Amino acid sequence: MSGTKRPAKRAGRGRGARPGRAAATRTGPFDNPDRRSWALACALLLLAALGVAVFAVQGGRTAATSFRYAAGLTGRPGALTVERCWGDDSAKPGLITSCAGTFRPDDGRTPVRDAALAGRHDIGAVLPVRYGGGACHPEGFGDASGDLAGLLAALPAGPLGLWLLGMAVGAGFGDAPAGRRIRAGLLPRNNRAVRYGLWAALGCAVAAGGCLLVGVAGWVASL
């Protein structure tokens, strides 16, 4: 009969509507956006710590060695007569980076021929230097002040590298409780040693700036 209604089919019945399990998706350790962000932060902090550590070791050693010569603490004192200069970059022949000449020690010993000195100098100039390590090194108050500025700038780099390494470890734990505790413990407001270290680094930076200004003033006065 036309007025008779057929019973409706239950949902989920039939071959097309057969329920099945959802396909399981496997995720890697960095598929989560939050994990990727923490991994990136950890990698950047590690690179920063490595760069700061290299600067602290290499820059500090170079500045300390130059300061010892410039302050007259090591090396044979004497005078260098500049005889020739050259540049290390063939594409820029006008860029002078090194000079050489005859070094005559103050104690009257045998002069050293073709003794090298870094930097640009006038041919024929007689410069007070210290000889050591097979080369001449500039001597004087201005040079010592500039080298001391570099040494003061490198001193706080070591603790800064350790602090960055600690923050990198904290970032490596991500948003886990251990990571939050490590990062919170390294914040200046929560760690007295970190706070005092930042003040010491600021003091070294100010002292380095003062020494650099003195060195520049001494260099200008010698022109």
N, C-alpha and C. Protein backbone atom coordinates (compact mmCIF):
# COMPACT_ATOMS: atom_id res chain seq x y z
N MET A 1 0.84 -1.20 0.00
CA MET A 1 0.00 0.00 0.00
C MET A 1 0.88 1.25 0.00
N SER A 2 0.34 2.26 -0.69
CA SER A 2 1.17 3.46 -0.84
C SER A 2 1.36 4.19 0.46
N GLY A 3 0.39 4.00 1.39
CA GLY A 3 0.54 4.75 2.66
C GLY A 3 1.34 4.04 3.69
N THR A 4 1.79 2.82 3.35
CA THR A 4 2.57 2.07 4.34
C THR A 4 4.02 2.53 4.32
N LYS A 5 4.60 2.83 5.49
CA LYS A 5 5.99 3.30 5.62
C LYS A 5 6.90 2.13 5.91
N ARG A 6 8.00 2.08 5.19
CA ARG A 6 9.00 1.05 5.46
C ARG A 6 9.85 1.42 6.67
N PRO A 7 10.21 0.45 7.44
CA PRO A 7 11.06 0.76 8.62
C PRO A 7 12.43 1.27 8.18
N ALA A 8 12.86 2.34 8.84
CA ALA A 8 14.17 2.95 8.49
C ALA A 8 15.31 2.03 8.90
N LYS A 9 16.36 2.02 8.08
CA LYS A 9 17.54 1.21 8.37
C LYS A 9 18.33 1.83 9.51
N ARG A 10 18.81 0.96 10.35
CA ARG A 10 19.62 1.44 11.46
C ARG A 10 20.98 1.95 10.96
N ALA A 11 21.41 2.99 11.60
CA ALA A 11 22.71 3.55 11.22
C ALA A 11 23.81 2.56 11.54
N GLY A 12 24.70 2.45 10.64
CA GLY A 12 25.83 1.55 10.86
C GLY A 12 25.62 0.19 10.25
N ARG A 13 24.42 -0.07 9.71
CA ARG A 13 24.17 -1.35 9.09
C ARG A 13 24.58 -1.31 7.62
N GLY A 14 24.88 -2.44 7.05
CA GLY A 14 25.20 -2.49 5.64
C GLY A 14 26.69 -2.57 5.41
N ARG A 15 27.02 -2.89 4.20
CA ARG A 15 28.43 -3.08 3.86
C ARG A 15 29.17 -1.76 3.78
N GLY A 16 28.47 -0.70 3.30
CA GLY A 16 29.15 0.59 3.14
C GLY A 16 29.36 1.31 4.44
N ALA A 17 28.53 1.02 5.44
CA ALA A 17 28.62 1.75 6.71
C ALA A 17 29.21 0.91 7.81
N ARG A 18 29.98 -0.06 7.46
CA ARG A 18 30.56 -0.96 8.44
C ARG A 18 31.61 -0.23 9.27
N PRO A 19 31.43 -0.21 10.56
CA PRO A 19 32.40 0.52 11.39
C PRO A 19 33.75 -0.17 11.39
N GLY A 20 34.81 0.60 11.44
CA GLY A 20 36.17 0.05 11.48
C GLY A 20 37.05 0.89 12.36
N ARG A 21 38.20 0.35 12.70
CA ARG A 21 39.13 1.09 13.55
C ARG A 21 39.83 2.20 12.77
N ALA A 22 40.04 3.33 13.46
CA ALA A 22 40.76 4.44 12.82
C ALA A 22 42.21 4.04 12.60
N ALA A 23 42.74 4.46 11.46
CA ALA A 23 44.14 4.12 11.14
C ALA A 23 45.07 4.76 12.16
N ALA A 24 45.90 3.99 12.79
CA ALA A 24 46.84 4.49 13.79
C ALA A 24 47.97 5.24 13.10
N THR A 25 48.27 6.45 13.60
CA THR A 25 49.34 7.27 13.03
C THR A 25 50.51 7.27 13.98
N ARG A 26 51.67 6.97 13.46
CA ARG A 26 52.90 6.96 14.26
C ARG A 26 53.58 8.32 14.13
N THR A 27 53.95 8.89 15.23
CA THR A 27 54.60 10.19 15.24
C THR A 27 56.03 10.04 15.73
N GLY A 28 56.94 10.79 15.11
CA GLY A 28 58.32 10.79 15.54
C GLY A 28 58.53 11.72 16.71
N PRO A 29 59.74 11.77 17.25
CA PRO A 29 59.98 12.61 18.43
C PRO A 29 59.89 14.09 18.15
N PHE A 30 60.00 14.51 16.88
CA PHE A 30 59.95 15.94 16.55
C PHE A 30 58.75 16.29 15.67
N ASP A 31 57.75 15.38 15.59
CA ASP A 31 56.55 15.69 14.81
C ASP A 31 55.65 16.68 15.53
N ASN A 32 55.78 16.75 16.83
CA ASN A 32 54.99 17.70 17.61
C ASN A 32 55.60 19.10 17.44
N PRO A 33 54.77 20.10 17.08
CA PRO A 33 55.34 21.45 16.90
C PRO A 33 56.05 21.97 18.15
N ASP A 34 55.51 21.65 19.33
CA ASP A 34 56.17 22.11 20.55
C ASP A 34 57.55 21.47 20.71
N ARG A 35 57.64 20.19 20.39
CA ARG A 35 58.93 19.51 20.48
C ARG A 35 59.92 20.08 19.47
N ARG A 36 59.45 20.39 18.29
CA ARG A 36 60.35 21.00 17.30
C ARG A 36 60.85 22.35 17.78
N SER A 37 59.98 23.13 18.39
CA SER A 37 60.40 24.44 18.89
C SER A 37 61.46 24.31 19.98
N TRP A 38 61.23 23.38 20.91
CA TRP A 38 62.22 23.19 21.97
C TRP A 38 63.53 22.66 21.42
N ALA A 39 63.46 21.75 20.42
CA ALA A 39 64.68 21.22 19.82
C ALA A 39 65.46 22.32 19.11
N LEU A 40 64.74 23.22 18.42
CA LEU A 40 65.41 24.34 17.76
C LEU A 40 66.05 25.27 18.77
N ALA A 41 65.32 25.55 19.86
CA ALA A 41 65.89 26.42 20.90
C ALA A 41 67.13 25.79 21.52
N CYS A 42 67.09 24.49 21.75
CA CYS A 42 68.25 23.79 22.32
C CYS A 42 69.44 23.86 21.38
N ALA A 43 69.20 23.65 20.07
CA ALA A 43 70.30 23.69 19.10
C ALA A 43 70.90 25.09 19.01
N LEU A 44 70.07 26.12 19.00
CA LEU A 44 70.58 27.50 18.92
C LEU A 44 71.38 27.86 20.18
N LEU A 45 70.90 27.44 21.33
CA LEU A 45 71.63 27.73 22.56
C LEU A 45 72.97 27.00 22.60
N LEU A 46 73.00 25.77 22.10
CA LEU A 46 74.27 25.03 22.05
C LEU A 46 75.26 25.71 21.11
N LEU A 47 74.78 26.17 19.94
CA LEU A 47 75.66 26.88 19.02
C LEU A 47 76.19 28.17 19.63
N ALA A 48 75.31 28.90 20.34
CA ALA A 48 75.74 30.13 20.99
C ALA A 48 76.78 29.84 22.07
N ALA A 49 76.55 28.77 22.86
CA ALA A 49 77.51 28.40 23.89
C ALA A 49 78.86 28.03 23.29
N LEU A 50 78.83 27.30 22.16
CA LEU A 50 80.08 26.92 21.51
C LEU A 50 80.82 28.15 20.98
N GLY A 51 80.10 29.08 20.35
CA GLY A 51 80.74 30.29 19.84
C GLY A 51 81.34 31.13 20.94
N VAL A 52 80.62 31.26 22.05
CA VAL A 52 81.14 32.05 23.17
C VAL A 52 82.37 31.38 23.78
N ALA A 53 82.34 30.03 23.87
CA ALA A 53 83.49 29.32 24.43
C ALA A 53 84.73 29.48 23.55
N VAL A 54 84.55 29.41 22.23
CA VAL A 54 85.69 29.60 21.32
C VAL A 54 86.25 31.01 21.46
N PHE A 55 85.37 32.00 21.56
CA PHE A 55 85.83 33.38 21.74
C PHE A 55 86.57 33.54 23.06
N ALA A 56 86.05 32.91 24.12
CA ALA A 56 86.69 33.05 25.43
C ALA A 56 88.09 32.46 25.42
N VAL A 57 88.25 31.29 24.79
CA VAL A 57 89.56 30.63 24.81
C VAL A 57 90.53 31.30 23.84
N GLN A 58 90.11 31.40 22.57
CA GLN A 58 91.02 31.92 21.55
C GLN A 58 91.25 33.42 21.72
N GLY A 59 90.16 34.17 21.89
CA GLY A 59 90.30 35.62 22.05
C GLY A 59 91.04 35.99 23.32
N GLY A 60 90.74 35.28 24.41
CA GLY A 60 91.43 35.58 25.66
C GLY A 60 92.90 35.26 25.59
N ARG A 61 93.25 34.14 24.97
CA ARG A 61 94.68 33.78 24.87
C ARG A 61 95.43 34.77 23.99
N THR A 62 94.83 35.16 22.86
CA THR A 62 95.50 36.12 21.97
C THR A 62 95.67 37.47 22.65
N ALA A 63 94.61 37.94 23.32
CA ALA A 63 94.69 39.24 23.99
C ALA A 63 95.71 39.20 25.13
N ALA A 64 95.76 38.09 25.87
CA ALA A 64 96.71 38.00 26.98
C ALA A 64 98.15 38.00 26.48
N THR A 65 98.40 37.27 25.39
CA THR A 65 99.75 37.24 24.83
C THR A 65 100.18 38.62 24.32
N SER A 66 99.29 39.28 23.59
CA SER A 66 99.62 40.62 23.08
C SER A 66 99.82 41.61 24.21
N PHE A 67 99.02 41.49 25.26
CA PHE A 67 99.16 42.42 26.40
C PHE A 67 100.51 42.24 27.09
N ARG A 68 100.96 41.01 27.23
CA ARG A 68 102.26 40.78 27.88
C ARG A 68 103.39 41.44 27.10
N TYR A 69 103.34 41.37 25.77
CA TYR A 69 104.37 42.03 24.96
C TYR A 69 104.24 43.55 25.03
N ALA A 70 102.98 44.04 24.88
CA ALA A 70 102.78 45.49 24.84
C ALA A 70 103.12 46.15 26.17
N ALA A 71 102.88 45.44 27.27
CA ALA A 71 103.18 46.01 28.59
C ALA A 71 104.64 45.80 29.00
N GLY A 72 105.44 45.14 28.16
CA GLY A 72 106.85 44.93 28.47
C GLY A 72 107.10 43.84 29.48
N LEU A 73 106.17 42.90 29.61
CA LEU A 73 106.33 41.83 30.58
C LEU A 73 107.12 40.64 30.03
N THR A 74 107.26 40.55 28.73
CA THR A 74 108.00 39.46 28.11
C THR A 74 108.58 39.94 26.79
N GLY A 75 109.50 39.17 26.24
CA GLY A 75 110.12 39.53 24.97
C GLY A 75 111.38 40.37 25.14
N ARG A 76 112.17 40.44 24.08
CA ARG A 76 113.41 41.24 24.08
C ARG A 76 113.09 42.65 23.59
N PRO A 77 113.39 43.67 24.39
CA PRO A 77 113.11 45.04 23.95
C PRO A 77 114.10 45.49 22.88
N GLY A 78 113.62 46.32 22.00
CA GLY A 78 114.46 46.84 20.94
C GLY A 78 113.67 47.73 20.01
N ALA A 79 114.25 47.97 18.82
CA ALA A 79 113.63 48.84 17.83
C ALA A 79 113.63 48.13 16.48
N LEU A 80 112.54 48.29 15.75
CA LEU A 80 112.41 47.70 14.43
C LEU A 80 112.40 48.81 13.38
N THR A 81 113.31 48.69 12.41
CA THR A 81 113.32 49.61 11.27
C THR A 81 112.53 48.96 10.13
N VAL A 82 111.39 49.55 9.79
CA VAL A 82 110.50 48.97 8.78
C VAL A 82 111.13 49.13 7.40
N GLU A 83 111.26 48.03 6.67
CA GLU A 83 111.89 48.05 5.35
C GLU A 83 110.93 47.68 4.22
N ARG A 84 109.92 46.90 4.51
CA ARG A 84 108.96 46.51 3.48
C ARG A 84 107.64 46.13 4.12
N CYS A 85 106.56 46.26 3.34
CA CYS A 85 105.22 45.90 3.81
C CYS A 85 104.47 45.20 2.68
N TRP A 86 103.49 44.41 3.05
CA TRP A 86 102.72 43.67 2.05
C TRP A 86 101.34 43.34 2.59
N GLY A 87 100.49 42.88 1.69
CA GLY A 87 99.15 42.46 2.06
C GLY A 87 98.94 40.98 1.77
N ASP A 88 98.08 40.36 2.53
CA ASP A 88 97.82 38.93 2.36
C ASP A 88 96.74 38.63 1.32
N ASP A 89 95.97 39.64 0.94
CA ASP A 89 94.89 39.44 -0.02
C ASP A 89 95.34 39.98 -1.38
N SER A 90 95.54 39.07 -2.35
CA SER A 90 95.99 39.49 -3.68
C SER A 90 94.93 40.30 -4.41
N ALA A 91 93.67 40.12 -4.04
CA ALA A 91 92.60 40.89 -4.69
C ALA A 91 92.57 42.34 -4.22
N LYS A 92 93.20 42.62 -3.08
CA LYS A 92 93.26 43.98 -2.54
C LYS A 92 94.71 44.33 -2.26
N PRO A 93 95.45 44.69 -3.28
CA PRO A 93 96.88 44.96 -3.08
C PRO A 93 97.15 46.17 -2.20
N GLY A 94 96.19 47.06 -2.09
CA GLY A 94 96.40 48.25 -1.26
C GLY A 94 96.16 48.00 0.22
N LEU A 95 95.67 46.82 0.58
CA LEU A 95 95.40 46.51 1.98
C LEU A 95 96.64 45.89 2.60
N ILE A 96 97.38 46.69 3.35
CA ILE A 96 98.62 46.24 3.99
C ILE A 96 98.29 45.60 5.34
N THR A 97 98.77 44.40 5.53
CA THR A 97 98.50 43.68 6.78
C THR A 97 99.76 43.33 7.57
N SER A 98 100.92 43.37 6.95
CA SER A 98 102.15 42.98 7.64
C SER A 98 103.32 43.79 7.10
N CYS A 99 104.33 43.95 7.96
CA CYS A 99 105.57 44.62 7.56
C CYS A 99 106.75 43.82 8.14
N ALA A 100 107.93 44.14 7.66
CA ALA A 100 109.14 43.46 8.14
C ALA A 100 110.31 44.41 8.01
N GLY A 101 111.36 44.11 8.79
CA GLY A 101 112.55 44.96 8.77
C GLY A 101 113.61 44.37 9.67
N THR A 102 114.52 45.21 10.07
CA THR A 102 115.64 44.79 10.92
C THR A 102 115.35 45.16 12.36
N PHE A 103 115.41 44.15 13.22
CA PHE A 103 115.20 44.38 14.66
C PHE A 103 116.55 44.47 15.35
N ARG A 104 116.77 45.57 16.07
CA ARG A 104 118.01 45.79 16.81
C ARG A 104 117.68 45.80 18.30
N PRO A 105 118.11 44.77 19.02
CA PRO A 105 117.80 44.71 20.46
C PRO A 105 118.54 45.77 21.25
N ASP A 106 117.95 46.17 22.37
CA ASP A 106 118.56 47.20 23.21
C ASP A 106 119.81 46.71 23.92
N ASP A 107 119.99 45.41 24.05
CA ASP A 107 121.15 44.90 24.76
C ASP A 107 122.38 44.78 23.86
N GLY A 108 122.26 45.20 22.60
CA GLY A 108 123.40 45.21 21.70
C GLY A 108 123.73 43.88 21.06
N ARG A 109 122.84 42.91 21.19
CA ARG A 109 123.10 41.61 20.55
C ARG A 109 122.92 41.71 19.04
N THR A 110 123.16 40.61 18.38
CA THR A 110 123.10 40.57 16.92
C THR A 110 121.69 40.95 16.43
N PRO A 111 121.58 41.88 15.49
CA PRO A 111 120.27 42.25 14.96
C PRO A 111 119.61 41.08 14.24
N VAL A 112 118.30 41.11 14.20
CA VAL A 112 117.52 40.08 13.53
C VAL A 112 117.00 40.66 12.22
N ARG A 113 117.40 40.04 11.12
CA ARG A 113 116.97 40.51 9.80
C ARG A 113 115.58 39.97 9.46
N ASP A 114 114.86 40.75 8.71
CA ASP A 114 113.55 40.36 8.19
C ASP A 114 112.60 39.91 9.32
N ALA A 115 112.60 40.68 10.40
CA ALA A 115 111.68 40.40 11.50
C ALA A 115 110.31 40.99 11.16
N ALA A 116 109.27 40.18 11.30
CA ALA A 116 107.92 40.58 10.90
C ALA A 116 107.20 41.30 12.02
N LEU A 117 106.29 42.19 11.62
CA LEU A 117 105.44 42.93 12.55
C LEU A 117 104.07 43.10 11.90
N ALA A 118 103.02 42.70 12.60
CA ALA A 118 101.67 42.80 12.05
C ALA A 118 101.22 44.25 12.00
N GLY A 119 100.37 44.55 11.02
CA GLY A 119 99.82 45.89 10.88
C GLY A 119 100.46 46.67 9.76
N ARG A 120 99.97 47.88 9.56
CA ARG A 120 100.47 48.77 8.51
C ARG A 120 101.35 49.84 9.13
N HIS A 121 102.55 50.02 8.58
CA HIS A 121 103.50 50.98 9.10
C HIS A 121 104.22 51.65 7.94
N ASP A 122 104.80 52.81 8.22
CA ASP A 122 105.51 53.56 7.18
C ASP A 122 106.90 52.96 6.95
N ILE A 123 107.29 52.91 5.68
CA ILE A 123 108.64 52.44 5.35
C ILE A 123 109.67 53.40 5.93
N GLY A 124 110.65 52.84 6.61
CA GLY A 124 111.69 53.65 7.23
C GLY A 124 111.40 54.04 8.68
N ALA A 125 110.22 53.76 9.15
CA ALA A 125 109.88 54.11 10.53
C ALA A 125 110.65 53.22 11.50
N VAL A 126 111.04 53.79 12.63
CA VAL A 126 111.73 53.06 13.70
C VAL A 126 110.75 52.94 14.86
N LEU A 127 110.35 51.70 15.16
CA LEU A 127 109.27 51.46 16.12
C LEU A 127 109.80 50.72 17.34
N PRO A 128 109.40 51.13 18.55
CA PRO A 128 109.75 50.36 19.76
C PRO A 128 108.91 49.08 19.80
N VAL A 129 109.57 47.96 19.87
CA VAL A 129 108.86 46.68 19.84
C VAL A 129 109.49 45.72 20.84
N ARG A 130 108.84 44.59 20.98
CA ARG A 130 109.36 43.45 21.74
C ARG A 130 109.45 42.27 20.80
N TYR A 131 110.58 41.59 20.83
CA TYR A 131 110.79 40.45 19.94
C TYR A 131 110.60 39.15 20.72
N GLY A 132 109.79 38.25 20.16
CA GLY A 132 109.56 36.97 20.80
C GLY A 132 108.71 36.08 19.90
N GLY A 133 108.95 34.80 19.97
CA GLY A 133 108.18 33.88 19.15
C GLY A 133 108.46 34.01 17.66
N GLY A 134 109.66 34.50 17.29
CA GLY A 134 110.01 34.65 15.88
C GLY A 134 109.42 35.86 15.20
N ALA A 135 108.86 36.81 15.94
CA ALA A 135 108.25 38.00 15.35
C ALA A 135 108.33 39.15 16.34
N CYS A 136 108.07 40.34 15.82
CA CYS A 136 108.04 41.53 16.66
C CYS A 136 106.60 41.83 17.08
N HIS A 137 106.47 42.44 18.24
CA HIS A 137 105.17 42.79 18.79
C HIS A 137 105.20 44.24 19.24
N PRO A 138 104.15 45.01 18.98
CA PRO A 138 104.16 46.43 19.37
C PRO A 138 104.21 46.59 20.88
N GLU A 139 104.88 47.63 21.30
CA GLU A 139 105.03 47.92 22.72
C GLU A 139 104.60 49.35 22.97
N GLY A 140 103.92 49.58 24.08
CA GLY A 140 103.51 50.93 24.42
C GLY A 140 102.20 50.94 25.19
N PHE A 141 101.90 52.09 25.78
CA PHE A 141 100.72 52.21 26.62
C PHE A 141 99.43 52.04 25.81
N GLY A 142 99.39 52.63 24.61
CA GLY A 142 98.19 52.53 23.80
C GLY A 142 97.89 51.10 23.39
N ASP A 143 98.91 50.38 22.96
CA ASP A 143 98.71 48.98 22.56
C ASP A 143 98.33 48.12 23.76
N ALA A 144 98.96 48.38 24.90
CA ALA A 144 98.62 47.60 26.09
C ALA A 144 97.18 47.85 26.52
N SER A 145 96.71 49.08 26.40
CA SER A 145 95.32 49.39 26.77
C SER A 145 94.34 48.68 25.84
N GLY A 146 94.64 48.68 24.54
CA GLY A 146 93.76 47.98 23.60
C GLY A 146 93.73 46.48 23.85
N ASP A 147 94.89 45.88 24.13
CA ASP A 147 94.93 44.45 24.42
C ASP A 147 94.22 44.12 25.73
N LEU A 148 94.34 45.01 26.73
CA LEU A 148 93.65 44.80 27.99
C LEU A 148 92.14 44.85 27.80
N ALA A 149 91.69 45.71 26.88
CA ALA A 149 90.25 45.77 26.58
C ALA A 149 89.76 44.44 26.01
N GLY A 150 90.54 43.85 25.11
CA GLY A 150 90.16 42.55 24.57
C GLY A 150 90.15 41.47 25.63
N LEU A 151 91.12 41.53 26.56
CA LEU A 151 91.18 40.53 27.62
C LEU A 151 89.99 40.67 28.57
N LEU A 152 89.62 41.90 28.90
CA LEU A 152 88.47 42.11 29.78
C LEU A 152 87.17 41.69 29.11
N ALA A 153 87.10 41.86 27.79
CA ALA A 153 85.90 41.43 27.08
C ALA A 153 85.78 39.91 27.02
N ALA A 154 86.92 39.21 27.02
CA ALA A 154 86.90 37.75 26.94
C ALA A 154 86.67 37.09 28.29
N LEU A 155 86.94 37.79 29.39
CA LEU A 155 86.82 37.17 30.71
C LEU A 155 85.41 36.68 31.03
N PRO A 156 84.36 37.52 30.85
CA PRO A 156 83.02 37.02 31.18
C PRO A 156 82.44 36.05 30.16
N ALA A 157 83.15 35.83 29.05
CA ALA A 157 82.61 34.93 28.02
C ALA A 157 82.56 33.48 28.52
N GLY A 158 83.50 33.08 29.37
CA GLY A 158 83.50 31.72 29.89
C GLY A 158 82.26 31.41 30.72
N PRO A 159 81.97 32.21 31.78
CA PRO A 159 80.73 31.97 32.52
C PRO A 159 79.47 32.11 31.68
N LEU A 160 79.50 33.02 30.71
CA LEU A 160 78.33 33.16 29.84
C LEU A 160 78.11 31.89 29.02
N GLY A 161 79.20 31.27 28.55
CA GLY A 161 79.07 30.03 27.80
C GLY A 161 78.49 28.92 28.66
N LEU A 162 78.90 28.84 29.94
CA LEU A 162 78.34 27.84 30.84
C LEU A 162 76.86 28.08 31.09
N TRP A 163 76.47 29.34 31.24
CA TRP A 163 75.05 29.67 31.44
C TRP A 163 74.22 29.28 30.22
N LEU A 164 74.73 29.57 29.03
CA LEU A 164 74.02 29.18 27.81
C LEU A 164 73.92 27.66 27.69
N LEU A 165 74.97 26.95 28.11
CA LEU A 165 74.92 25.49 28.08
C LEU A 165 73.84 24.96 29.03
N GLY A 166 73.75 25.56 30.22
CA GLY A 166 72.70 25.15 31.15
C GLY A 166 71.31 25.41 30.60
N MET A 167 71.12 26.57 29.96
CA MET A 167 69.82 26.86 29.35
C MET A 167 69.52 25.91 28.21
N ALA A 168 70.56 25.48 27.48
CA ALA A 168 70.35 24.51 26.41
C ALA A 168 69.89 23.17 26.97
N VAL A 169 70.48 22.77 28.10
CA VAL A 169 70.03 21.53 28.74
C VAL A 169 68.58 21.66 29.18
N GLY A 170 68.22 22.81 29.75
CA GLY A 170 66.83 23.02 30.15
C GLY A 170 65.89 22.99 28.97
N ALA A 171 66.32 23.57 27.84
CA ALA A 171 65.48 23.53 26.64
C ALA A 171 65.38 22.12 26.08
N GLY A 172 66.41 21.31 26.29
CA GLY A 172 66.37 19.93 25.80
C GLY A 172 65.29 19.10 26.47
N PHE A 173 64.95 19.42 27.72
CA PHE A 173 63.86 18.72 28.40
C PHE A 173 62.49 19.23 27.98
N GLY A 174 62.46 20.32 27.20
CA GLY A 174 61.18 20.83 26.72
C GLY A 174 60.35 21.41 27.84
N ASP A 175 59.04 21.14 27.77
CA ASP A 175 58.11 21.67 28.76
C ASP A 175 57.92 20.72 29.93
N ALA A 176 58.79 19.74 30.07
CA ALA A 176 58.70 18.80 31.19
C ALA A 176 59.05 19.53 32.49
N PRO A 177 58.60 19.01 33.62
CA PRO A 177 58.92 19.67 34.91
C PRO A 177 60.42 19.87 35.13
N ALA A 178 61.22 18.88 34.70
CA ALA A 178 62.67 19.02 34.88
C ALA A 178 63.20 20.21 34.09
N GLY A 179 62.74 20.38 32.85
CA GLY A 179 63.18 21.52 32.04
C GLY A 179 62.76 22.84 32.63
N ARG A 180 61.55 22.90 33.16
CA ARG A 180 61.10 24.16 33.77
C ARG A 180 61.90 24.49 35.01
N ARG A 181 62.25 23.46 35.80
CA ARG A 181 63.05 23.71 37.00
C ARG A 181 64.45 24.20 36.65
N ILE A 182 65.06 23.61 35.62
CA ILE A 182 66.41 24.02 35.23
C ILE A 182 66.42 25.46 34.73
N ARG A 183 65.47 25.77 33.85
CA ARG A 183 65.43 27.13 33.30
C ARG A 183 65.11 28.17 34.37
N ALA A 184 64.18 27.84 35.26
CA ALA A 184 63.84 28.78 36.32
C ALA A 184 65.02 28.97 37.28
N GLY A 185 65.78 27.89 37.53
CA GLY A 185 66.91 28.01 38.43
C GLY A 185 68.05 28.83 37.87
N LEU A 186 68.09 29.01 36.55
CA LEU A 186 69.16 29.79 35.93
C LEU A 186 68.76 31.23 35.65
N LEU A 187 67.55 31.62 36.00
CA LEU A 187 67.14 33.01 35.80
C LEU A 187 67.81 33.89 36.85
N PRO A 188 68.22 35.10 36.47
CA PRO A 188 68.91 35.97 37.43
C PRO A 188 68.09 36.26 38.68
N ARG A 189 66.76 36.37 38.53
CA ARG A 189 65.96 36.70 39.71
C ARG A 189 65.85 35.54 40.70
N ASN A 190 66.16 34.33 40.25
CA ASN A 190 66.08 33.16 41.12
C ASN A 190 67.44 32.62 41.55
N ASN A 191 68.52 33.10 40.94
CA ASN A 191 69.84 32.56 41.21
C ASN A 191 70.79 33.72 41.53
N ARG A 192 71.27 33.75 42.76
CA ARG A 192 72.14 34.86 43.16
C ARG A 192 73.46 34.84 42.42
N ALA A 193 74.02 33.64 42.16
CA ALA A 193 75.30 33.55 41.46
C ALA A 193 75.17 34.09 40.03
N VAL A 194 74.07 33.74 39.36
CA VAL A 194 73.85 34.26 38.01
C VAL A 194 73.69 35.77 38.03
N ARG A 195 72.99 36.27 39.02
CA ARG A 195 72.77 37.72 39.12
C ARG A 195 74.09 38.45 39.33
N TYR A 196 74.90 37.96 40.25
CA TYR A 196 76.20 38.59 40.48
C TYR A 196 77.12 38.44 39.27
N GLY A 197 77.00 37.30 38.59
CA GLY A 197 77.81 37.11 37.39
C GLY A 197 77.47 38.11 36.30
N LEU A 198 76.18 38.43 36.16
CA LEU A 198 75.78 39.42 35.17
C LEU A 198 76.31 40.81 35.53
N TRP A 199 76.29 41.15 36.81
CA TRP A 199 76.85 42.44 37.22
C TRP A 199 78.36 42.48 36.98
N ALA A 200 79.04 41.37 37.23
CA ALA A 200 80.48 41.32 36.98
C ALA A 200 80.77 41.44 35.49
N ALA A 201 79.95 40.78 34.66
CA ALA A 201 80.14 40.90 33.21
C ALA A 201 79.92 42.33 32.74
N LEU A 202 78.92 42.99 33.32
CA LEU A 202 78.68 44.39 32.96
C LEU A 202 79.87 45.26 33.37
N GLY A 203 80.43 44.99 34.55
CA GLY A 203 81.61 45.75 34.98
C GLY A 203 82.79 45.53 34.06
N CYS A 204 83.00 44.27 33.60
CA CYS A 204 84.09 43.99 32.66
C CYS A 204 83.87 44.71 31.34
N ALA A 205 82.61 44.75 30.90
CA ALA A 205 82.32 45.43 29.63
C ALA A 205 82.60 46.93 29.73
N VAL A 206 82.22 47.53 30.85
CA VAL A 206 82.49 48.96 31.04
C VAL A 206 83.99 49.22 31.10
N ALA A 207 84.72 48.37 31.85
CA ALA A 207 86.17 48.54 31.93
C ALA A 207 86.84 48.33 30.58
N ALA A 208 86.34 47.35 29.81
CA ALA A 208 86.90 47.12 28.48
C ALA A 208 86.67 48.32 27.57
N GLY A 209 85.48 48.91 27.68
CA GLY A 209 85.22 50.11 26.88
C GLY A 209 86.14 51.26 27.24
N GLY A 210 86.40 51.43 28.54
CA GLY A 210 87.32 52.49 28.96
C GLY A 210 88.73 52.25 28.47
N CYS A 211 89.20 51.01 28.57
CA CYS A 211 90.55 50.68 28.08
C CYS A 211 90.64 50.88 26.57
N LEU A 212 89.57 50.52 25.86
CA LEU A 212 89.58 50.70 24.41
C LEU A 212 89.66 52.17 24.04
N LEU A 213 88.93 53.01 24.76
CA LEU A 213 89.00 54.46 24.49
C LEU A 213 90.40 55.00 24.76
N VAL A 214 91.03 54.53 25.84
CA VAL A 214 92.40 54.97 26.14
C VAL A 214 93.35 54.52 25.04
N GLY A 215 93.17 53.26 24.58
CA GLY A 215 94.03 52.76 23.51
C GLY A 215 93.87 53.54 22.22
N VAL A 216 92.62 53.89 21.87
CA VAL A 216 92.39 54.68 20.66
C VAL A 216 93.00 56.08 20.81
N ALA A 217 92.85 56.66 22.01
CA ALA A 217 93.44 57.99 22.23
C ALA A 217 94.95 57.95 22.10
N GLY A 218 95.58 56.88 22.64
CA GLY A 218 97.03 56.76 22.52
C GLY A 218 97.45 56.56 21.08
N TRP A 219 96.65 55.79 20.31
CA TRP A 219 96.98 55.58 18.88
C TRP A 219 96.86 56.89 18.10
N VAL A 220 95.82 57.66 18.40
CA VAL A 220 95.66 58.95 17.70
C VAL A 220 96.79 59.90 18.05
N ALA A 221 97.20 59.89 19.33
CA ALA A 221 98.28 60.79 19.75
C ALA A 221 99.62 60.43 19.10
N SER A 222 99.78 59.16 18.74
CA SER A 222 101.05 58.75 18.14
C SER A 222 101.12 59.03 16.64
N LEU A 223 100.01 59.46 16.04
CA LEU A 223 100.02 59.74 14.59
C LEU A 223 100.79 61.01 14.29
